[in-house]
């Protein structure tokens, strides 16, 4: 068991592979959401709009899990369990636009993935997830 993501599986976090983010609802039950993610060298980054269920769950309980399965080999995956150490604003849309380029091949999220009219109507935020436990398959070591 490790708290770092091995080079052998880092590509799964760096994308463009879809991840499943699990947060805990007010009753403590897990809730899964398909998300885009990236890596800043210390944290898994997940972008969302404030006011949605994920940020409400995370602000109440910052414990999360994130899993990514290699779409070309389902017997290769990474499971990151950790805490949202920080929630930072994505005021200039730099992070969500970077994710849109990586995942959808478009320059801007608003107008490329989401309707252009939605730009400026929602506050984008970034979860900075600090890994506390990382499981890999196949195991490395």
C-alpha atoms as a PDB file:
ATOM      1  CA  UNK A   1       0.000   0.000   0.000  1.00  0.00           C
ATOM      2  CA  UNK A   2       1.357   3.399  -0.992  1.00  0.00           C
ATOM      3  CA  UNK A   3       0.456   7.080  -0.870  1.00  0.00           C
ATOM      4  CA  UNK A   4       2.095   7.838  -4.205  1.00  0.00           C
ATOM      5  CA  UNK A   5       1.004   6.947  -7.701  1.00  0.00           C
ATOM      6  CA  UNK A   6       3.563   4.732  -9.418  1.00  0.00           C
ATOM      7  CA  UNK A   7       4.865   5.788 -12.816  1.00  0.00           C
ATOM      8  CA  UNK A   8       3.410   2.548 -14.218  1.00  0.00           C
ATOM      9  CA  UNK A   9      -0.127   3.828 -13.555  1.00  0.00           C
ATOM     10  CA  UNK A  10       0.264   7.600 -13.595  1.00  0.00           C
ATOM     11  CA  UNK A  11      -1.015   7.777 -17.181  1.00  0.00           C
ATOM     12  CA  UNK A  12      -4.417   6.668 -15.889  1.00  0.00           C
ATOM     13  CA  UNK A  13      -4.625   9.759 -13.656  1.00  0.00           C
ATOM     14  CA  UNK A  14      -3.139  12.127 -16.231  1.00  0.00           C
ATOM     15  CA  UNK A  15      -5.869  11.201 -18.703  1.00  0.00           C
ATOM     16  CA  UNK A  16      -7.704  11.182 -20.920  1.00  0.00           C
ATOM     17  CA  UNK A  17      -9.292   8.293 -19.033  1.00  0.00           C
ATOM     18  CA  UNK A  18     -12.637   8.760 -17.317  1.00  0.00           C
ATOM     19  CA  UNK A  19     -12.557   8.314 -13.556  1.00  0.00           C
ATOM     20  CA  UNK A  20     -15.185   7.447 -10.976  1.00  0.00           C
ATOM     21  CA  UNK A  21     -15.141   9.851  -8.012  1.00  0.00           C
ATOM     22  CA  UNK A  22     -16.860   8.663  -4.847  1.00  0.00           C
ATOM     23  CA  UNK A  23     -18.026  11.158  -2.234  1.00  0.00           C
ATOM     24  CA  UNK A  24     -20.108  10.574   0.896  1.00  0.00           C
ATOM     25  CA  UNK A  25     -23.627  11.953   1.121  1.00  0.00           C
ATOM     26  CA  UNK A  26     -25.135  13.404   4.336  1.00  0.00           C
ATOM     27  CA  UNK A  27     -26.205   9.911   5.486  1.00  0.00           C
ATOM     28  CA  UNK A  28     -22.699   8.542   4.869  1.00  0.00           C
ATOM     29  CA  UNK A  29     -23.667   6.575   1.772  1.00  0.00           C
ATOM     30  CA  UNK A  30     -21.260   6.603  -1.188  1.00  0.00           C
ATOM     31  CA  UNK A  31     -22.179   8.526  -4.328  1.00  0.00           C
ATOM     32  CA  UNK A  32     -20.309   7.925  -7.587  1.00  0.00           C
ATOM     33  CA  UNK A  33     -19.776  10.417 -10.383  1.00  0.00           C
ATOM     34  CA  UNK A  34     -17.907  10.053 -13.658  1.00  0.00           C
ATOM     35  CA  UNK A  35     -15.284  12.829 -13.844  1.00  0.00           C
ATOM     36  CA  UNK A  36     -12.270  14.066 -15.719  1.00  0.00           C
ATOM     37  CA  UNK A  37      -9.081  14.263 -13.671  1.00  0.00           C
ATOM     38  CA  UNK A  38      -5.449  15.308 -13.904  1.00  0.00           C
ATOM     39  CA  UNK A  39      -2.321  15.303 -11.760  1.00  0.00           C
ATOM     40  CA  UNK A  40      -0.275  18.257 -10.500  1.00  0.00           C
ATOM     41  CA  UNK A  41       2.574  16.181  -9.066  1.00  0.00           C
ATOM     42  CA  UNK A  42       1.038  15.942  -5.581  1.00  0.00           C
ATOM     43  CA  UNK A  43      -2.731  16.019  -5.987  1.00  0.00           C
ATOM     44  CA  UNK A  44      -5.360  14.513  -8.218  1.00  0.00           C
ATOM     45  CA  UNK A  45      -7.332  17.454  -9.643  1.00  0.00           C
ATOM     46  CA  UNK A  46     -11.058  17.199 -10.294  1.00  0.00           C
ATOM     47  CA  UNK A  47     -13.012  20.165 -11.636  1.00  0.00           C
ATOM     48  CA  UNK A  48     -16.708  20.731 -10.957  1.00  0.00           C
ATOM     49  CA  UNK A  49     -19.259  23.500 -10.669  1.00  0.00           C
ATOM     50  CA  UNK A  50     -19.959  24.843  -7.207  1.00  0.00           C
ATOM     51  CA  UNK A  51     -23.469  24.183  -5.937  1.00  0.00           C
ATOM     52  CA  UNK A  52     -23.591  20.643  -7.267  1.00  0.00           C
ATOM     53  CA  UNK A  53     -23.879  17.617  -5.003  1.00  0.00           C
ATOM     54  CA  UNK A  54     -20.136  16.752  -5.087  1.00  0.00           C
ATOM     55  CA  UNK A  55     -18.954  20.022  -3.507  1.00  0.00           C
ATOM     56  CA  UNK A  56     -21.706  19.841  -0.887  1.00  0.00           C
ATOM     57  CA  UNK A  57     -20.618  16.318   0.035  1.00  0.00           C
ATOM     58  CA  UNK A  58     -16.904  17.180   0.064  1.00  0.00           C
ATOM     59  CA  UNK A  59     -17.292  20.286   2.211  1.00  0.00           C
ATOM     60  CA  UNK A  60     -19.109  18.191   4.793  1.00  0.00           C
ATOM     61  CA  UNK A  61     -16.745  15.200   4.576  1.00  0.00           C
ATOM     62  CA  UNK A  62     -13.537  15.582   2.520  1.00  0.00           C
ATOM     63  CA  UNK A  63     -12.851  11.848   2.274  1.00  0.00           C
ATOM     64  CA  UNK A  64     -13.077  10.617  -1.325  1.00  0.00           C
ATOM     65  CA  UNK A  65     -12.060   7.728  -3.531  1.00  0.00           C
ATOM     66  CA  UNK A  66     -11.225   7.846  -7.217  1.00  0.00           C
ATOM     67  CA  UNK A  67     -10.809   4.861  -9.527  1.00  0.00           C
ATOM     68  CA  UNK A  68      -9.651   4.684 -13.123  1.00  0.00           C
ATOM     69  CA  UNK A  69      -9.735   1.535 -15.249  1.00  0.00           C
ATOM     70  CA  UNK A  70      -7.548   1.307 -18.345  1.00  0.00           C
ATOM     71  CA  UNK A  71     -10.051   1.115 -21.236  1.00  0.00           C
ATOM     72  CA  UNK A  72      -7.635  -1.014 -23.271  1.00  0.00           C
ATOM     73  CA  UNK A  73      -6.933  -3.459 -20.429  1.00  0.00           C
ATOM     74  CA  UNK A  74      -9.566  -3.767 -17.692  1.00  0.00           C
ATOM     75  CA  UNK A  75      -7.081  -5.770 -15.628  1.00  0.00           C
ATOM     76  CA  UNK A  76      -5.039  -2.576 -15.137  1.00  0.00           C
ATOM     77  CA  UNK A  77      -6.411   0.058 -12.793  1.00  0.00           C
ATOM     78  CA  UNK A  78      -5.620   2.562 -10.057  1.00  0.00           C
ATOM     79  CA  UNK A  79      -7.656   3.273  -6.927  1.00  0.00           C
ATOM     80  CA  UNK A  80      -6.816   6.487  -5.040  1.00  0.00           C
ATOM     81  CA  UNK A  81      -8.276   7.046  -1.607  1.00  0.00           C
ATOM     82  CA  UNK A  82      -7.660  10.349   0.071  1.00  0.00           C
ATOM     83  CA  UNK A  83      -8.978  13.689   1.162  1.00  0.00           C
ATOM     84  CA  UNK A  84      -9.860  16.859  -0.653  1.00  0.00           C
ATOM     85  CA  UNK A  85      -7.124  18.928   0.940  1.00  0.00           C
ATOM     86  CA  UNK A  86      -8.175  22.142  -0.733  1.00  0.00           C
ATOM     87  CA  UNK A  87     -10.929  23.510  -2.951  1.00  0.00           C
ATOM     88  CA  UNK A  88      -9.666  26.309  -5.167  1.00  0.00           C
ATOM     89  CA  UNK A  89     -11.567  28.499  -7.633  1.00  0.00           C
ATOM     90  CA  UNK A  90     -10.994  28.025 -11.359  1.00  0.00           C
ATOM     91  CA  UNK A  91     -11.892  31.663 -12.003  1.00  0.00           C
ATOM     92  CA  UNK A  92     -10.223  31.919 -15.417  1.00  0.00           C
ATOM     93  CA  UNK A  93     -11.364  28.421 -16.501  1.00  0.00           C
ATOM     94  CA  UNK A  94      -7.735  27.382 -17.075  1.00  0.00           C
ATOM     95  CA  UNK A  95      -8.180  23.965 -15.450  1.00  0.00           C
ATOM     96  CA  UNK A  96     -11.536  23.065 -17.016  1.00  0.00           C
ATOM     97  CA  UNK A  97     -10.300  24.278 -20.413  1.00  0.00           C
ATOM     98  CA  UNK A  98      -7.157  22.108 -20.037  1.00  0.00           C
ATOM     99  CA  UNK A  99      -9.389  19.141 -19.225  1.00  0.00           C
ATOM    100  CA  UNK A 100     -11.597  19.946 -22.239  1.00  0.00           C
ATOM    101  CA  UNK A 101      -8.526  19.959 -24.522  1.00  0.00           C
ATOM    102  CA  UNK A 102      -7.310  16.649 -23.080  1.00  0.00           C
ATOM    103  CA  UNK A 103     -10.621  14.808 -22.926  1.00  0.00           C
ATOM    104  CA  UNK A 104     -12.704  16.346 -25.725  1.00  0.00           C
ATOM    105  CA  UNK A 105     -10.125  17.879 -28.085  1.00  0.00           C
ATOM    106  CA  UNK A 106     -11.672  21.353 -27.877  1.00  0.00           C
ATOM    107  CA  UNK A 107     -10.023  24.605 -26.802  1.00  0.00           C
ATOM    108  CA  UNK A 108     -12.705  25.717 -24.367  1.00  0.00           C
ATOM    109  CA  UNK A 109     -15.100  23.869 -22.113  1.00  0.00           C
ATOM    110  CA  UNK A 110     -17.845  26.447 -22.582  1.00  0.00           C
ATOM    111  CA  UNK A 111     -18.746  26.407 -26.248  1.00  0.00           C
ATOM    112  CA  UNK A 112     -16.879  23.151 -26.853  1.00  0.00           C
ATOM    113  CA  UNK A 113     -18.448  20.743 -24.345  1.00  0.00           C
ATOM    114  CA  UNK A 114     -20.998  22.775 -22.402  1.00  0.00           C
ATOM    115  CA  UNK A 115     -23.163  25.443 -24.026  1.00  0.00           C
ATOM    116  CA  UNK A 116     -21.324  28.736 -24.555  1.00  0.00           C
ATOM    117  CA  UNK A 117     -24.202  30.531 -22.799  1.00  0.00           C
ATOM    118  CA  UNK A 118     -23.310  28.737 -19.554  1.00  0.00           C
ATOM    119  CA  UNK A 119     -19.930  30.515 -19.362  1.00  0.00           C
ATOM    120  CA  UNK A 120     -20.029  32.849 -16.380  1.00  0.00           C
ATOM    121  CA  UNK A 121     -23.228  31.374 -14.957  1.00  0.00           C
ATOM    122  CA  UNK A 122     -21.534  28.809 -12.727  1.00  0.00           C
ATOM    123  CA  UNK A 123     -18.500  29.006 -10.501  1.00  0.00           C
ATOM    124  CA  UNK A 124     -15.921  26.365 -11.413  1.00  0.00           C
ATOM    125  CA  UNK A 125     -13.866  24.884  -8.587  1.00  0.00           C
ATOM    126  CA  UNK A 126     -11.020  22.382  -8.368  1.00  0.00           C
ATOM    127  CA  UNK A 127     -10.781  19.600  -5.794  1.00  0.00           C
ATOM    128  CA  UNK A 128      -7.152  19.008  -4.835  1.00  0.00           C
ATOM    129  CA  UNK A 129      -7.166  15.402  -3.649  1.00  0.00           C
ATOM    130  CA  UNK A 130      -4.202  14.298  -1.543  1.00  0.00           C
ATOM    131  CA  UNK A 131      -3.724  10.530  -1.887  1.00  0.00           C
ATOM    132  CA  UNK A 132      -3.629   8.687   1.434  1.00  0.00           C
ATOM    133  CA  UNK A 133      -3.807   5.187  -0.004  1.00  0.00           C
ATOM    134  CA  UNK A 134      -3.118   4.095  -3.564  1.00  0.00           C
ATOM    135  CA  UNK A 135      -3.928   0.613  -4.834  1.00  0.00           C
ATOM    136  CA  UNK A 136      -2.684  -0.583  -8.210  1.00  0.00           C
ATOM    137  CA  UNK A 137      -3.457  -3.545 -10.370  1.00  0.00           C
ATOM    138  CA  UNK A 138      -1.400  -5.252 -11.385  1.00  0.00           C
ATOM    139  CA  UNK A 139       0.482  -4.524  -8.163  1.00  0.00           C
ATOM    140  CA  UNK A 140       3.887  -2.921  -8.483  1.00  0.00           C
ATOM    141  CA  UNK A 141       6.761  -3.478  -6.219  1.00  0.00           C
END
